[in-house]
Amino acid sequence: MTMTLTFDAVSERTPGEKWRGRWLRSWPAYEAWFIARGGDDGPDRAACKAALARYMPELLPVHDRLVALAGGGDRAARFLSTWCPPRYLGGCSLAAMSDGTDVRLLRNYDLSPELNEGLLLRSEWTGRPVMGMVEFLWGLSDGINDAGLSVALAYGGRSDTGEGFGVTTILRYVLEVCDTVDEALAVLDRVPSHMAYNIVLADASGATTSVELSPGGGATRMPRAIATNHQSCGAIPDRGPFTRTYERYKHLSALTLGVRDLHTTFSGPPLLQDRYSEGFGTLFTAEYDPLERSLRLIWPDKDWYQTLAQFDEGQTVIDYALSDRSNAGSGWTKGTDWLRSAEVDWGHVGRDYAKGAGRPIETYLAELRRL
């Protein structure tokens, strides 16, 4: 099992060669997953595009551009629409808090290091600045926009599905078209999710909330802006004892910390998970500040601060196998050759790994630079 994850920070105003390089790198694994999980039996390309046009028309030009960069294939178009995709699971703890002066949204992202893209992307795909952690190559698991609206998701603990979109695309859409929590709630009411997810939101006015999304549509407001991996409907959550969802929720319910100190509770038990070899560990803590339009990614030995106004591209490798992470790396490395990554023969990379002869991606880029 892979116990390291490379985190990349990338800025690309409109979808271009940087995104294409990421597609070439990631699509072989995603395509294999899509086929194996029955994606080819899902809605056809026309139905996927019609769903986008009905529910998220502002994203249609972005989707068309991404599909073109991906080669224009039918399977790529359906995958990128995320309309009625194969099911997928996850973990996570979320909380948002405001005291009239400060406001924060915190999340722990809990999963296997092998199953996260490790990509922080700043974009202006519909004309407004948005940054967040990418999933499914253009969706977001959490993020913030230029109005200060912040949002994050957690798996709702139920594996049943309904007709709807992958939730990461919905979060992307929320940040592209909404300024406030109230506007975001209106979107979540009308755009169906294909699975159960819990969403926490905060905005620059200090408004915070949490909603439970049901498979096939429906958004239930919750009394507190916290969430883990179960819902209030009474359904028994998947792997509840393993993920400790009830223990984590109880901890969040009893918090007495101030807003600026909220991040400290996400850096220790029971919220911080360390069972990486079992496929369930905290890959990062994200702290969003709607007033500063900022994100701080936090690990035990380091953190990294970005704002929409001052975003620096960079890279770091986190080793989750280290018991003492003080030697896991000195920080973010600037100057990664994102544009050249599109020239890597990613099929060759995949064959190398299949033969057990894989090398760090940076070595393939170094070979290109020597040509």
Protein backbone atom coordinates (compact mmCIF):
# COMPACT_ATOMS: atom_id res chain seq x y z
CA MET A 1 0.00 0.00 0.00
CA THR A 2 1.19 3.51 -0.84
CA MET A 3 1.92 5.46 2.35
CA THR A 4 2.92 8.76 0.76
CA LEU A 5 0.94 11.39 -1.07
CA THR A 6 2.26 14.22 -3.22
CA PHE A 7 0.29 17.44 -2.79
CA ASP A 8 0.37 19.84 -5.73
CA ALA A 9 -0.77 23.46 -5.78
CA VAL A 10 -1.69 24.55 -9.29
CA SER A 11 -3.08 27.81 -10.65
CA GLU A 12 -4.73 27.83 -14.08
CA ARG A 13 -7.24 30.54 -14.91
CA THR A 14 -9.03 28.57 -17.64
CA PRO A 15 -8.75 24.85 -18.38
CA GLY A 16 -5.59 24.32 -20.39
CA GLU A 17 -2.38 22.35 -20.60
CA LYS A 18 -1.90 22.11 -16.85
CA TRP A 19 -5.29 20.46 -16.47
CA ARG A 20 -4.60 18.29 -19.51
CA GLY A 21 -1.38 17.09 -17.92
CA ARG A 22 -3.29 16.11 -14.81
CA TRP A 23 -5.88 14.30 -16.95
CA LEU A 24 -3.22 12.28 -18.75
CA ARG A 25 -1.69 11.34 -15.42
CA SER A 26 -4.93 10.36 -13.66
CA TRP A 27 -7.33 9.12 -16.32
CA PRO A 28 -5.91 5.57 -16.71
CA ALA A 29 -6.73 4.80 -13.06
CA TYR A 30 -10.08 6.58 -13.17
CA GLU A 31 -11.04 4.85 -16.40
CA ALA A 32 -10.26 1.44 -14.91
CA TRP A 33 -12.39 2.32 -11.87
CA PHE A 34 -15.23 3.61 -14.05
CA ILE A 35 -15.34 0.43 -16.14
CA ALA A 36 -14.98 -1.93 -13.19
CA ARG A 37 -17.81 -0.19 -11.27
CA GLY A 38 -20.26 -0.37 -14.18
CA GLY A 39 -19.90 3.16 -15.47
CA ASP A 40 -20.36 2.03 -19.05
CA ASP A 41 -23.86 0.86 -18.13
CA GLY A 42 -24.85 4.32 -16.92
CA PRO A 43 -26.55 7.16 -18.81
CA ASP A 44 -25.33 7.88 -22.32
CA ARG A 45 -23.49 11.02 -23.33
CA ALA A 46 -26.59 12.88 -24.47
CA ALA A 47 -28.39 12.19 -21.18
CA CYS A 48 -25.36 13.36 -19.19
CA LYS A 49 -25.16 16.61 -21.11
CA ALA A 50 -28.91 17.15 -20.80
CA ALA A 51 -28.66 16.74 -17.02
CA LEU A 52 -25.91 19.36 -16.84
CA ALA A 53 -27.99 21.70 -19.01
CA ARG A 54 -31.01 21.23 -16.75
CA TYR A 55 -29.37 21.55 -13.35
CA MET A 56 -26.02 23.34 -13.81
CA PRO A 57 -26.08 25.17 -17.16
CA GLU A 58 -23.30 27.55 -16.12
CA LEU A 59 -20.92 24.58 -16.09
CA LEU A 60 -21.70 23.37 -19.61
CA PRO A 61 -18.95 25.45 -21.30
CA VAL A 62 -16.45 24.26 -18.70
CA HIS A 63 -17.47 20.63 -19.22
CA ASP A 64 -17.18 21.00 -22.99
CA ARG A 65 -13.70 22.49 -22.65
CA LEU A 66 -12.55 19.74 -20.30
CA VAL A 67 -13.90 17.02 -22.60
CA ALA A 68 -12.05 18.58 -25.53
CA LEU A 69 -8.80 18.65 -23.54
CA ALA A 70 -9.42 15.01 -22.58
CA GLY A 71 -9.60 14.00 -26.24
CA GLY A 72 -13.35 14.25 -26.81
CA GLY A 73 -14.11 10.59 -26.08
CA ASP A 74 -17.55 9.33 -25.11
CA ARG A 75 -16.44 7.69 -21.88
CA ALA A 76 -14.48 10.76 -20.81
CA ALA A 77 -17.51 12.98 -21.44
CA ARG A 78 -19.77 10.78 -19.33
CA PHE A 79 -17.21 10.44 -16.56
CA LEU A 80 -16.64 14.19 -16.37
CA SER A 81 -20.38 14.92 -16.21
CA THR A 82 -20.60 12.83 -12.99
CA TRP A 83 -24.29 12.24 -13.75
CA CYS A 84 -25.32 8.97 -12.04
CA PRO A 85 -21.73 7.79 -11.52
CA PRO A 86 -20.64 4.56 -9.82
CA ARG A 87 -20.85 4.69 -6.02
CA TYR A 88 -17.89 5.76 -3.94
CA LEU A 89 -17.31 6.08 -0.20
CA GLY A 90 -15.18 8.14 2.17
CA GLY A 91 -14.78 9.55 5.67
CA CYS A 92 -14.23 13.07 7.09
CA SER A 93 -15.12 15.37 10.01
CA LEU A 94 -16.49 18.89 9.46
CA ALA A 95 -17.30 21.96 11.54
CA ALA A 96 -17.97 25.65 10.95
CA MET A 97 -18.04 28.31 13.65
CA SER A 98 -18.58 32.05 13.88
CA ASP A 99 -18.48 34.45 16.84
CA GLY A 100 -19.47 37.73 15.18
CA THR A 101 -15.85 38.67 14.55
CA ASP A 102 -14.19 35.58 13.09
CA VAL A 103 -15.54 32.67 11.09
CA ARG A 104 -13.89 29.38 10.16
CA LEU A 105 -14.72 26.14 8.36
CA LEU A 106 -12.60 23.11 9.30
CA ARG A 107 -12.41 19.66 7.78
CA ASN A 108 -10.35 16.51 8.25
CA TYR A 109 -10.12 14.46 5.07
CA ASP A 110 -10.01 10.78 6.08
CA LEU A 111 -9.18 8.12 3.49
CA SER A 112 -6.35 6.01 2.08
CA PRO A 113 -3.40 7.97 0.61
CA GLU A 114 -3.94 5.95 -2.59
CA LEU A 115 -7.42 7.42 -3.11
CA ASN A 116 -6.85 11.18 -3.01
CA GLU A 117 -5.62 13.33 -5.89
CA GLY A 118 -3.63 15.66 -3.65
CA LEU A 119 -4.45 18.61 -5.90
CA LEU A 120 -5.15 22.14 -4.67
CA LEU A 121 -6.37 24.11 -7.69
CA ARG A 122 -6.98 27.83 -8.12
CA SER A 123 -9.13 28.59 -11.14
CA GLU A 124 -11.44 31.17 -12.71
CA TRP A 125 -13.35 28.77 -14.95
CA THR A 126 -16.61 30.75 -14.95
CA GLY A 127 -14.97 34.12 -14.40
CA ARG A 128 -14.70 34.10 -10.60
CA PRO A 129 -11.73 32.96 -8.49
CA VAL A 130 -12.23 29.61 -6.75
CA MET A 131 -9.72 27.41 -4.96
CA GLY A 132 -10.12 24.02 -3.33
CA MET A 133 -9.11 20.39 -3.11
CA VAL A 134 -9.95 18.58 -6.34
CA GLU A 135 -11.68 15.23 -6.74
CA PHE A 136 -12.68 13.51 -9.97
CA LEU A 137 -10.37 15.89 -11.82
CA TRP A 138 -12.61 18.95 -11.61
CA GLY A 139 -15.00 18.53 -8.70
CA LEU A 140 -14.15 19.74 -5.19
CA SER A 141 -14.25 18.05 -1.79
CA ASP A 142 -13.90 21.47 -0.16
CA GLY A 143 -13.17 25.00 -1.30
CA ILE A 144 -13.73 28.76 -1.15
CA ASN A 145 -14.60 31.49 -3.65
CA ASP A 146 -13.97 35.22 -3.99
CA ALA A 147 -17.13 36.08 -2.03
CA GLY A 148 -15.79 34.08 0.93
CA LEU A 149 -18.32 31.26 0.61
CA SER A 150 -16.71 28.07 1.92
CA VAL A 151 -18.00 24.52 1.68
CA ALA A 152 -16.87 20.98 2.52
CA LEU A 153 -18.37 17.50 2.28
CA ALA A 154 -18.41 14.29 4.30
CA TYR A 155 -19.76 10.89 3.24
CA GLY A 156 -23.23 10.37 4.71
CA GLY A 157 -22.69 6.74 5.62
CA ARG A 158 -25.21 5.16 3.22
CA SER A 159 -24.16 3.38 0.04
CA ASP A 160 -27.57 3.46 -1.68
CA THR A 161 -27.79 5.63 -4.78
CA GLY A 162 -30.36 7.69 -6.66
CA GLU A 163 -30.51 9.74 -9.83
CA GLY A 164 -28.16 12.65 -9.34
CA PHE A 165 -24.67 14.08 -9.70
CA GLY A 166 -21.45 13.21 -7.99
CA VAL A 167 -21.33 15.52 -4.98
CA THR A 168 -17.91 16.97 -5.83
CA THR A 169 -19.36 18.49 -9.02
CA ILE A 170 -22.19 19.99 -6.98
CA LEU A 171 -19.69 21.64 -4.62
CA ARG A 172 -17.79 23.01 -7.63
CA TYR A 173 -21.07 24.44 -8.94
CA VAL A 174 -21.99 26.01 -5.59
CA LEU A 175 -18.70 27.89 -5.47
CA GLU A 176 -18.94 28.98 -9.10
CA VAL A 177 -22.43 30.53 -8.84
CA CYS A 178 -23.16 31.40 -5.18
CA ASP A 179 -22.04 34.19 -2.84
CA THR A 180 -23.76 33.24 0.41
CA VAL A 181 -24.89 30.28 2.48
CA ASP A 182 -28.53 31.02 1.63
CA GLU A 183 -27.80 30.99 -2.11
CA ALA A 184 -25.88 27.73 -1.70
CA LEU A 185 -28.79 26.14 0.15
CA ALA A 186 -31.10 27.00 -2.74
CA VAL A 187 -28.74 25.16 -5.10
CA LEU A 188 -28.49 22.15 -2.81
CA ASP A 189 -32.29 22.00 -2.64
CA ARG A 190 -32.70 21.70 -6.39
CA VAL A 191 -29.57 19.85 -7.64
CA PRO A 192 -29.77 16.14 -6.75
CA SER A 193 -26.85 14.20 -5.32
CA HIS A 194 -26.48 10.56 -6.35
CA MET A 195 -25.52 9.49 -2.81
CA ALA A 196 -25.95 10.55 0.81
CA TYR A 197 -23.56 13.32 1.81
CA ASN A 198 -23.26 15.81 4.64
CA ILE A 199 -22.31 19.37 3.71
CA VAL A 200 -21.07 22.18 5.97
CA LEU A 201 -21.01 25.79 4.76
CA ALA A 202 -19.82 29.20 5.97
CA ASP A 203 -19.70 32.66 4.40
CA ALA A 204 -18.15 36.06 4.98
CA SER A 205 -21.22 37.35 6.85
CA GLY A 206 -20.62 34.73 9.54
CA ALA A 207 -23.48 32.48 8.49
CA THR A 208 -22.83 28.77 9.02
CA THR A 209 -24.94 25.68 8.50
CA SER A 210 -24.95 21.95 7.80
CA VAL A 211 -27.24 19.97 5.50
CA GLU A 212 -27.79 16.29 4.79
CA LEU A 213 -28.13 15.38 1.11
CA SER A 214 -30.27 12.34 0.28
CA PRO A 215 -29.70 10.02 -2.70
CA GLY A 216 -31.70 11.30 -5.65
CA GLY A 217 -32.36 14.74 -4.15
CA GLY A 218 -33.33 16.52 -0.98
CA ALA A 219 -31.37 18.67 1.48
CA THR A 220 -32.25 18.54 5.18
CA ARG A 221 -31.07 21.45 7.35
CA MET A 222 -29.34 20.43 10.55
CA PRO A 223 -29.31 22.37 13.85
CA ARG A 224 -25.51 22.66 14.10
CA ALA A 225 -22.77 23.25 11.54
CA ILE A 226 -20.98 19.97 12.22
CA ALA A 227 -20.92 16.61 10.44
CA THR A 228 -19.23 13.22 10.37
CA ASN A 229 -20.28 10.04 8.53
CA HIS A 230 -23.87 9.29 9.49
CA GLN A 231 -27.21 11.01 9.05
CA SER A 232 -30.23 11.77 11.22
CA CYS A 233 -32.62 9.46 9.32
CA GLY A 234 -31.76 6.55 11.63
CA ALA A 235 -30.09 4.40 8.97
CA ILE A 236 -27.15 2.38 10.29
CA PRO A 237 -24.03 3.94 8.74
CA ASP A 238 -21.58 1.87 6.72
CA ARG A 239 -18.58 0.89 8.84
CA GLY A 240 -19.84 3.05 11.70
CA PRO A 241 -17.70 1.46 14.45
CA PHE A 242 -14.64 1.40 12.17
CA THR A 243 -14.88 5.07 11.21
CA ARG A 244 -15.91 6.07 14.77
CA THR A 245 -18.46 8.43 13.27
CA TYR A 246 -20.58 8.67 16.42
CA GLU A 247 -17.55 9.25 18.67
CA ARG A 248 -16.31 12.02 16.39
CA TYR A 249 -19.75 13.64 16.18
CA LYS A 250 -20.13 13.60 19.97
CA HIS A 251 -16.74 15.29 20.27
CA LEU A 252 -17.71 18.02 17.81
CA SER A 253 -21.04 18.53 19.59
CA ALA A 254 -19.29 19.29 22.86
CA LEU A 255 -16.73 21.80 21.56
CA THR A 256 -16.16 24.92 23.66
CA LEU A 257 -13.15 26.27 21.77
CA GLY A 258 -12.99 29.74 20.31
CA VAL A 259 -13.20 30.20 16.55
CA ARG A 260 -9.48 30.81 16.07
CA ASP A 261 -8.62 27.71 18.11
CA LEU A 262 -11.02 25.37 16.31
CA HIS A 263 -8.19 23.89 14.25
CA THR A 264 -6.48 22.46 17.34
CA THR A 265 -9.19 19.88 17.99
CA PHE A 266 -8.89 18.58 14.42
CA SER A 267 -5.20 17.82 15.01
CA GLY A 268 -5.76 15.23 17.74
CA PRO A 269 -8.01 12.29 18.69
CA PRO A 270 -10.75 11.41 18.17
CA LEU A 271 -10.91 13.52 14.98
CA LEU A 272 -7.39 12.81 13.75
CA GLN A 273 -7.21 9.29 12.27
CA ASP A 274 -3.93 7.39 11.88
CA ARG A 275 -4.97 4.00 10.48
CA TYR A 276 -3.44 4.60 7.07
CA SER A 277 -2.53 0.95 6.51
CA GLU A 278 -6.22 0.11 7.03
CA GLY A 279 -7.29 2.68 4.43
CA PHE A 280 -8.57 5.26 6.92
CA GLY A 281 -6.24 8.06 7.96
CA THR A 282 -6.39 11.84 8.04
CA LEU A 283 -4.66 12.97 4.86
CA PHE A 284 -4.93 16.67 5.69
CA THR A 285 -6.76 19.21 7.79
CA ALA A 286 -8.13 22.18 5.86
CA GLU A 287 -8.96 25.47 7.60
CA TYR A 288 -10.96 27.99 5.54
CA ASP A 289 -11.26 31.65 6.57
CA PRO A 290 -14.14 33.30 4.63
CA LEU A 291 -13.05 36.81 5.68
CA GLU A 292 -9.49 36.38 4.44
CA ARG A 293 -10.56 34.21 1.46
CA SER A 294 -7.83 31.85 2.61
CA LEU A 295 -7.04 28.18 3.09
CA ARG A 296 -4.51 26.62 5.43
CA LEU A 297 -3.60 22.97 4.87
CA ILE A 298 -2.35 21.44 8.11
CA TRP A 299 -0.27 18.32 8.84
CA PRO A 300 1.39 17.29 12.14
CA ASP A 301 4.79 18.71 11.12
CA LYS A 302 3.87 21.58 8.79
CA ASP A 303 1.15 23.75 7.38
CA TRP A 304 0.73 25.84 4.28
CA TYR A 305 -1.23 29.04 3.76
CA GLN A 306 -2.84 30.20 0.52
CA THR A 307 -5.21 33.02 -0.40
CA LEU A 308 -7.15 33.65 -3.55
CA ALA A 309 -5.29 36.95 -3.94
CA GLN A 310 -1.83 35.47 -3.30
CA PHE A 311 -1.67 31.89 -4.53
CA ASP A 312 1.72 30.18 -4.93
CA GLU A 313 2.19 27.04 -6.96
CA GLY A 314 4.21 24.34 -5.22
CA GLN A 315 4.53 20.74 -4.15
CA THR A 316 5.20 18.66 -1.05
CA VAL A 317 5.29 14.96 -0.23
CA ILE A 318 3.67 13.72 2.98
CA ASP A 319 4.83 10.37 4.34
CA TYR A 320 2.13 8.87 6.53
CA ALA A 321 4.29 5.92 7.54
CA LEU A 322 6.67 8.06 9.56
CA SER A 323 6.10 7.94 13.29
CA ASP A 324 8.14 11.15 13.62
CA ARG A 325 7.03 13.36 10.78
CA SER A 326 9.46 16.12 11.63
CA ASN A 327 11.68 14.75 8.86
CA ALA A 328 8.90 14.35 6.30
CA GLY A 329 10.09 17.36 4.32
CA SER A 330 10.95 21.00 4.78
CA GLY A 331 7.92 22.46 3.02
CA TRP A 332 6.56 23.32 -0.40
CA THR A 333 8.87 23.16 -3.41
CA LYS A 334 8.30 25.84 -6.01
CA GLY A 335 8.89 25.65 -9.73
CA THR A 336 7.37 22.26 -10.61
CA ASP A 337 7.16 21.86 -14.40
CA TRP A 338 3.37 21.57 -14.72
CA LEU A 339 3.19 22.29 -18.43
CA ARG A 340 5.87 19.73 -19.26
CA SER A 341 3.96 17.05 -17.36
CA ALA A 342 1.52 16.82 -20.28
CA GLU A 343 4.38 15.40 -22.38
CA VAL A 344 5.03 12.46 -20.04
CA ASP A 345 4.08 9.07 -21.50
CA TRP A 346 1.65 8.22 -18.72
CA GLY A 347 0.88 4.87 -20.30
CA HIS A 348 4.56 4.01 -19.89
CA VAL A 349 4.41 5.17 -16.28
CA GLY A 350 1.44 2.89 -15.64
CA ARG A 351 3.17 -0.10 -17.25
CA ASP A 352 6.25 0.53 -15.10
CA TYR A 353 4.16 0.44 -11.93
CA ALA A 354 2.28 -2.65 -13.09
CA LYS A 355 5.65 -4.42 -13.46
CA GLY A 356 6.74 -3.28 -10.01
CA ALA A 357 9.33 -0.96 -11.56
CA GLY A 358 7.66 2.34 -10.83
CA ARG A 359 9.70 5.45 -10.12
CA PRO A 360 8.73 8.80 -8.58
CA ILE A 361 6.89 10.97 -11.10
CA GLU A 362 9.58 13.64 -10.69
CA THR A 363 12.13 11.33 -12.35
CA TYR A 364 10.02 11.13 -15.50
CA LEU A 365 9.80 14.92 -15.56
CA ALA A 366 13.58 15.15 -15.06
CA GLU A 367 14.13 12.90 -18.07
CA LEU A 368 11.97 15.25 -20.16
CA ARG A 369 13.99 18.26 -19.08
CA ARG A 370 17.18 16.55 -20.23
CA LEU A 371 15.78 16.02 -23.76
